[in-house]
PDB file of N, CA and C in Angstrom:
ATOM      1  N   UNK A   1      -6.980  -9.031  -8.569  1.00  0.00           N
ATOM      2  CA  UNK A   1      -6.729  -8.208  -7.146  1.00  0.00           C
ATOM      3  C   UNK A   1      -7.280  -6.560  -7.824  1.00  0.00           C
ATOM      4  N   UNK A   2      -7.889  -5.826  -6.975  1.00  0.00           N
ATOM      5  CA  UNK A   2      -8.410  -4.558  -7.240  1.00  0.00           C
ATOM      6  C   UNK A   2      -7.432  -3.822  -7.175  1.00  0.00           C
ATOM      7  N   UNK A   3      -7.057  -2.733  -7.845  1.00  0.00           N
ATOM      8  CA  UNK A   3      -6.054  -1.739  -8.146  1.00  0.00           C
ATOM      9  C   UNK A   3      -4.841  -1.372  -6.697  1.00  0.00           C
ATOM     10  N   UNK A   4      -3.690  -2.045  -7.287  1.00  0.00           N
ATOM     11  CA  UNK A   4      -2.775  -2.081  -6.374  1.00  0.00           C
ATOM     12  C   UNK A   4      -1.877  -0.796  -7.059  1.00  0.00           C
ATOM     13  N   UNK A   5      -1.990   0.230  -6.225  1.00  0.00           N
ATOM     14  CA  UNK A   5      -0.943   1.638  -6.828  1.00  0.00           C
ATOM     15  C   UNK A   5      -0.660   2.205  -5.672  1.00  0.00           C
ATOM     16  N   UNK A   6       0.476   2.897  -6.095  1.00  0.00           N
ATOM     17  CA  UNK A   6       1.380   3.748  -5.029  1.00  0.00           C
ATOM     18  C   UNK A   6      -0.125   4.745  -4.282  1.00  0.00           C
ATOM     19  N   UNK A   7       0.451   4.805  -3.019  1.00  0.00           N
ATOM     20  CA  UNK A   7      -0.747   5.757  -2.200  1.00  0.00           C
ATOM     21  C   UNK A   7      -1.636   4.782  -1.899  1.00  0.00           C
ATOM     22  N   UNK A   8      -1.820   3.421  -1.816  1.00  0.00           N
ATOM     23  CA  UNK A   8      -3.416   2.766  -1.829  1.00  0.00           C
ATOM     24  C   UNK A   8      -3.511   2.753  -0.230  1.00  0.00           C
ATOM     25  N   UNK A   9      -3.887   2.726  -0.007  1.00  0.00           N
ATOM     26  CA  UNK A   9      -4.016   2.107   1.743  1.00  0.00           C
ATOM     27  C   UNK A   9      -5.114   1.065   1.944  1.00  0.00           C
ATOM     28  N   UNK A  10      -4.147  -0.079   2.289  1.00  0.00           N
ATOM     29  CA  UNK A  10      -4.513  -1.394   2.678  1.00  0.00           C
ATOM     30  C   UNK A  10      -5.004  -1.720   3.965  1.00  0.00           C
ATOM     31  N   UNK A  11      -5.113  -3.449   3.815  1.00  0.00           N
ATOM     32  CA  UNK A  11      -5.210  -3.795   5.524  1.00  0.00           C
ATOM     33  C   UNK A  11      -4.614  -5.122   5.446  1.00  0.00           C
ATOM     34  N   UNK A  12      -3.613  -5.323   5.802  1.00  0.00           N
ATOM     35  CA  UNK A  12      -2.652  -6.876   5.828  1.00  0.00           C
ATOM     36  C   UNK A  12      -3.661  -7.677   6.513  1.00  0.00           C
ATOM     37  N   UNK A  13      -3.328  -9.083   5.722  1.00  0.00           N
ATOM     38  CA  UNK A  13      -4.492  -9.851   6.065  1.00  0.00           C
ATOM     39  C   UNK A  13      -3.710 -11.215   6.747  1.00  0.00           C
ATOM     40  N   UNK A  14      -2.079 -11.219   6.366  1.00  0.00           N
ATOM     41  CA  UNK A  14      -1.162 -12.029   7.049  1.00  0.00           C
ATOM     42  C   UNK A  14      -0.024 -11.747   7.725  1.00  0.00           C
ATOM     43  N   UNK A  15       0.501 -12.877   8.663  1.00  0.00           N
ATOM     44  CA  UNK A  15       1.356 -12.403   9.099  1.00  0.00           C
ATOM     45  C   UNK A  15       1.023 -11.695  10.497  1.00  0.00           C
ATOM     46  N   UNK A  16       2.723 -11.279  11.165  1.00  0.00           N
ATOM     47  CA  UNK A  16       2.467 -10.858  12.628  1.00  0.00           C
ATOM     48  C   UNK A  16       1.886  -9.367  12.492  1.00  0.00           C
ATOM     49  N   UNK A  17       1.341  -8.833  11.494  1.00  0.00           N
ATOM     50  CA  UNK A  17       0.828  -7.501  11.104  1.00  0.00           C
ATOM     51  C   UNK A  17      -0.112  -7.479  10.983  1.00  0.00           C
ATOM     52  N   UNK A  18      -0.674  -8.751  10.739  1.00  0.00           N
ATOM     53  CA  UNK A  18      -2.330  -9.362  10.278  1.00  0.00           C
ATOM     54  C   UNK A  18      -3.177  -8.085  11.001  1.00  0.00           C
ATOM     55  N   UNK A  19      -4.255  -7.627  10.308  1.00  0.00           N
ATOM     56  CA  UNK A  19      -5.359  -6.489  10.748  1.00  0.00           C
ATOM     57  C   UNK A  19      -4.753  -4.971  10.789  1.00  0.00           C
ATOM     58  N   UNK A  20      -3.630  -4.937  10.296  1.00  0.00           N
ATOM     59  CA  UNK A  20      -2.873  -3.393  10.513  1.00  0.00           C
ATOM     60  C   UNK A  20      -2.875  -2.657   8.936  1.00  0.00           C
ATOM     61  N   UNK A  21      -3.376  -1.632   9.171  1.00  0.00           N
ATOM     62  CA  UNK A  21      -3.354  -0.958   8.354  1.00  0.00           C
ATOM     63  C   UNK A  21      -2.404   0.301   7.766  1.00  0.00           C
ATOM     64  N   UNK A  22      -1.768  -0.269   6.354  1.00  0.00           N
ATOM     65  CA  UNK A  22      -0.725   0.200   5.783  1.00  0.00           C
ATOM     66  C   UNK A  22      -1.308   1.124   4.389  1.00  0.00           C
ATOM     67  N   UNK A  23      -0.193   1.474   3.580  1.00  0.00           N
ATOM     68  CA  UNK A  23      -0.009   1.967   2.565  1.00  0.00           C
ATOM     69  C   UNK A  23       1.695   1.961   1.752  1.00  0.00           C
ATOM     70  N   UNK A  24       0.561   1.748   0.519  1.00  0.00           N
ATOM     71  CA  UNK A  24       1.429   1.033  -0.475  1.00  0.00           C
ATOM     72  C   UNK A  24       2.705   2.386  -0.945  1.00  0.00           C
ATOM     73  N   UNK A  25       3.722   2.052  -0.867  1.00  0.00           N
ATOM     74  CA  UNK A  25       5.105   3.091  -1.380  1.00  0.00           C
ATOM     75  C   UNK A  25       5.666   2.642  -2.424  1.00  0.00           C
ATOM     76  N   UNK A  26       5.636   1.514  -3.041  1.00  0.00           N
ATOM     77  CA  UNK A  26       6.586   1.209  -4.205  1.00  0.00           C
ATOM     78  C   UNK A  26       6.037  -0.194  -4.619  1.00  0.00           C
ATOM     79  N   UNK A  27       6.020  -0.400  -6.053  1.00  0.00           N
ATOM     80  CA  UNK A  27       5.447  -1.401  -6.291  1.00  0.00           C
ATOM     81  C   UNK A  27       7.195  -2.209  -6.818  1.00  0.00           C
ATOM     82  N   UNK A  28       7.289  -3.375  -6.294  1.00  0.00           N
ATOM     83  CA  UNK A  28       8.339  -3.866  -6.631  1.00  0.00           C
ATOM     84  C   UNK A  28       8.725  -4.772  -7.489  1.00  0.00           C
ATOM     85  N   UNK A  29       7.580  -5.845  -8.396  1.00  0.00           N
ATOM     86  CA  UNK A  29       7.090  -6.504  -9.429  1.00  0.00           C
ATOM     87  C   UNK A  29       6.070  -6.936  -9.327  1.00  0.00           C
ATOM     88  N   UNK A  30       5.403  -7.808  -9.782  1.00  0.00           N
ATOM     89  CA  UNK A  30       3.875  -8.405 -10.489  1.00  0.00           C
ATOM     90  C   UNK A  30       3.442  -8.706  -9.021  1.00  0.00           C
ATOM     91  N   UNK A  31       4.088  -9.735  -8.018  1.00  0.00           N
ATOM     92  CA  UNK A  31       4.008 -10.025  -6.900  1.00  0.00           C
ATOM     93  C   UNK A  31       4.027  -9.336  -5.354  1.00  0.00           C
ATOM     94  N   UNK A  32       4.861  -8.680  -5.604  1.00  0.00           N
ATOM     95  CA  UNK A  32       5.090  -8.097  -4.462  1.00  0.00           C
ATOM     96  C   UNK A  32       5.315  -6.306  -4.391  1.00  0.00           C
ATOM     97  N   UNK A  33       5.155  -5.792  -3.095  1.00  0.00           N
ATOM     98  CA  UNK A  33       4.767  -4.178  -2.681  1.00  0.00           C
ATOM     99  C   UNK A  33       5.508  -4.106  -2.001  1.00  0.00           C
ATOM    100  N   UNK A  34       6.111  -2.653  -1.663  1.00  0.00           N
ATOM    101  CA  UNK A  34       6.438  -1.997   0.097  1.00  0.00           C
ATOM    102  C   UNK A  34       5.437  -1.365   0.435  1.00  0.00           C
ATOM    103  N   UNK A  35       5.590  -1.778   1.589  1.00  0.00           N
ATOM    104  CA  UNK A  35       4.393  -1.124   2.115  1.00  0.00           C
ATOM    105  C   UNK A  35       4.769  -0.458   3.547  1.00  0.00           C
ATOM    106  N   UNK A  36       4.473   0.354   4.299  1.00  0.00           N
ATOM    107  CA  UNK A  36       4.723   1.251   5.516  1.00  0.00           C
ATOM    108  C   UNK A  36       3.763   1.639   6.422  1.00  0.00           C
ATOM    109  N   UNK A  37       3.532   1.821   7.601  1.00  0.00           N
ATOM    110  CA  UNK A  37       2.378   2.215   8.596  1.00  0.00           C
ATOM    111  C   UNK A  37       2.552   2.277   9.585  1.00  0.00           C
ATOM    112  N   UNK A  38       2.019   3.048  10.630  1.00  0.00           N
ATOM    113  CA  UNK A  38       2.234   3.172  11.888  1.00  0.00           C
ATOM    114  C   UNK A  38       2.587   1.724  13.045  1.00  0.00           C
ATOM    115  N   UNK A  39       1.615   0.476  12.737  1.00  0.00           N
ATOM    116  CA  UNK A  39       2.020  -0.826  13.495  1.00  0.00           C
ATOM    117  C   UNK A  39       3.010  -1.585  12.374  1.00  0.00           C
ATOM    118  N   UNK A  40       3.008  -1.345  11.139  1.00  0.00           N
ATOM    119  CA  UNK A  40       3.629  -2.072  10.306  1.00  0.00           C
ATOM    120  C   UNK A  40       4.825  -1.408   9.976  1.00  0.00           C
ATOM    121  N   UNK A  41       5.995  -2.160   9.606  1.00  0.00           N
ATOM    122  CA  UNK A  41       7.557  -2.033   9.466  1.00  0.00           C
ATOM    123  C   UNK A  41       7.936  -1.508   7.598  1.00  0.00           C
ATOM    124  N   UNK A  42       8.538  -1.117   7.591  1.00  0.00           N
ATOM    125  CA  UNK A  42       8.523  -0.359   6.283  1.00  0.00           C
ATOM    126  C   UNK A  42       9.439  -1.688   5.692  1.00  0.00           C
ATOM    127  N   UNK A  43       8.261  -2.833   4.596  1.00  0.00           N
ATOM    128  CA  UNK A  43       9.241  -3.773   3.998  1.00  0.00           C
ATOM    129  C   UNK A  43       8.442  -4.303   2.761  1.00  0.00           C
ATOM    130  N   UNK A  44       9.288  -5.389   2.460  1.00  0.00           N
ATOM    131  CA  UNK A  44       8.010  -5.953   1.247  1.00  0.00           C
ATOM    132  C   UNK A  44       7.028  -6.952   1.188  1.00  0.00           C
ATOM    133  N   UNK A  45       5.662  -6.801   0.846  1.00  0.00           N
ATOM    134  CA  UNK A  45       4.903  -7.498   1.288  1.00  0.00           C
ATOM    135  C   UNK A  45       4.009  -7.962  -0.072  1.00  0.00           C
ATOM    136  N   UNK A  46       3.418  -9.512  -0.418  1.00  0.00           N
ATOM    137  CA  UNK A  46       3.113 -10.186  -1.136  1.00  0.00           C
ATOM    138  C   UNK A  46       1.178  -9.545  -1.321  1.00  0.00           C
ATOM    139  N   UNK A  47       1.131  -9.086  -2.623  1.00  0.00           N
ATOM    140  CA  UNK A  47       0.006  -8.614  -2.745  1.00  0.00           C
ATOM    141  C   UNK A  47      -1.320  -9.221  -2.456  1.00  0.00           C
ATOM    142  N   UNK A  48      -1.051 -10.313  -2.395  1.00  0.00           N
ATOM    143  CA  UNK A  48      -2.239 -11.869  -2.194  1.00  0.00           C
ATOM    144  C   UNK A  48      -2.299 -11.457  -0.351  1.00  0.00           C
ATOM    145  N   UNK A  49      -1.333 -10.484   0.089  1.00  0.00           N
ATOM    146  CA  UNK A  49      -1.380 -10.645   1.997  1.00  0.00           C
ATOM    147  C   UNK A  49      -2.453  -9.209   1.927  1.00  0.00           C
ATOM    148  N   UNK A  50      -2.873  -8.757   1.095  1.00  0.00           N
ATOM    149  CA  UNK A  50      -3.150  -7.429   1.341  1.00  0.00           C
ATOM    150  C   UNK A  50      -4.903  -7.211   0.772  1.00  0.00           C
ATOM    151  N   UNK A  51      -5.517  -6.352   1.602  1.00  0.00           N
ATOM    152  CA  UNK A  51      -6.619  -6.205   1.551  1.00  0.00           C
ATOM    153  C   UNK A  51      -7.006  -4.207   0.814  1.00  0.00           C
ATOM    154  N   UNK A  52      -7.154  -4.237  -0.049  1.00  0.00           N
ATOM    155  CA  UNK A  52      -7.391  -2.371  -0.203  1.00  0.00           C
ATOM    156  C   UNK A  52      -8.539  -2.118   0.389  1.00  0.00           C
ATOM    157  N   UNK A  53      -8.853  -1.129   0.948  1.00  0.00           N
ATOM    158  CA  UNK A  53      -9.430  -0.363   1.103  1.00  0.00           C
ATOM    159  C   UNK A  53     -10.070   0.815   0.295  1.00  0.00           C
ATOM    160  N   UNK A  54     -11.892   0.600   0.469  1.00  0.00           N
ATOM    161  CA  UNK A  54     -12.477   1.603  -0.299  1.00  0.00           C
ATOM    162  C   UNK A  54     -11.655   3.194  -0.311  1.00  0.00           C
ATOM    163  N   UNK A  55     -11.801   3.644  -1.291  1.00  0.00           N
ATOM    164  CA  UNK A  55     -11.431   5.635  -1.250  1.00  0.00           C
ATOM    165  C   UNK A  55     -12.490   5.867  -1.114  1.00  0.00           C
TER     166      UNK A  55
END
């Protein structure tokens, strides 16, 4: 998976919020990160359900 780091913008690819843009705010462990965004609640998310955006 492309670089998963705090501050990285992503698109959610699974779940109710699929297609929404979010930002990684914390790394929980090797499988989960905490994300937040305008249309995304502040919650943990599996990194396999995120698609990082090009910088």
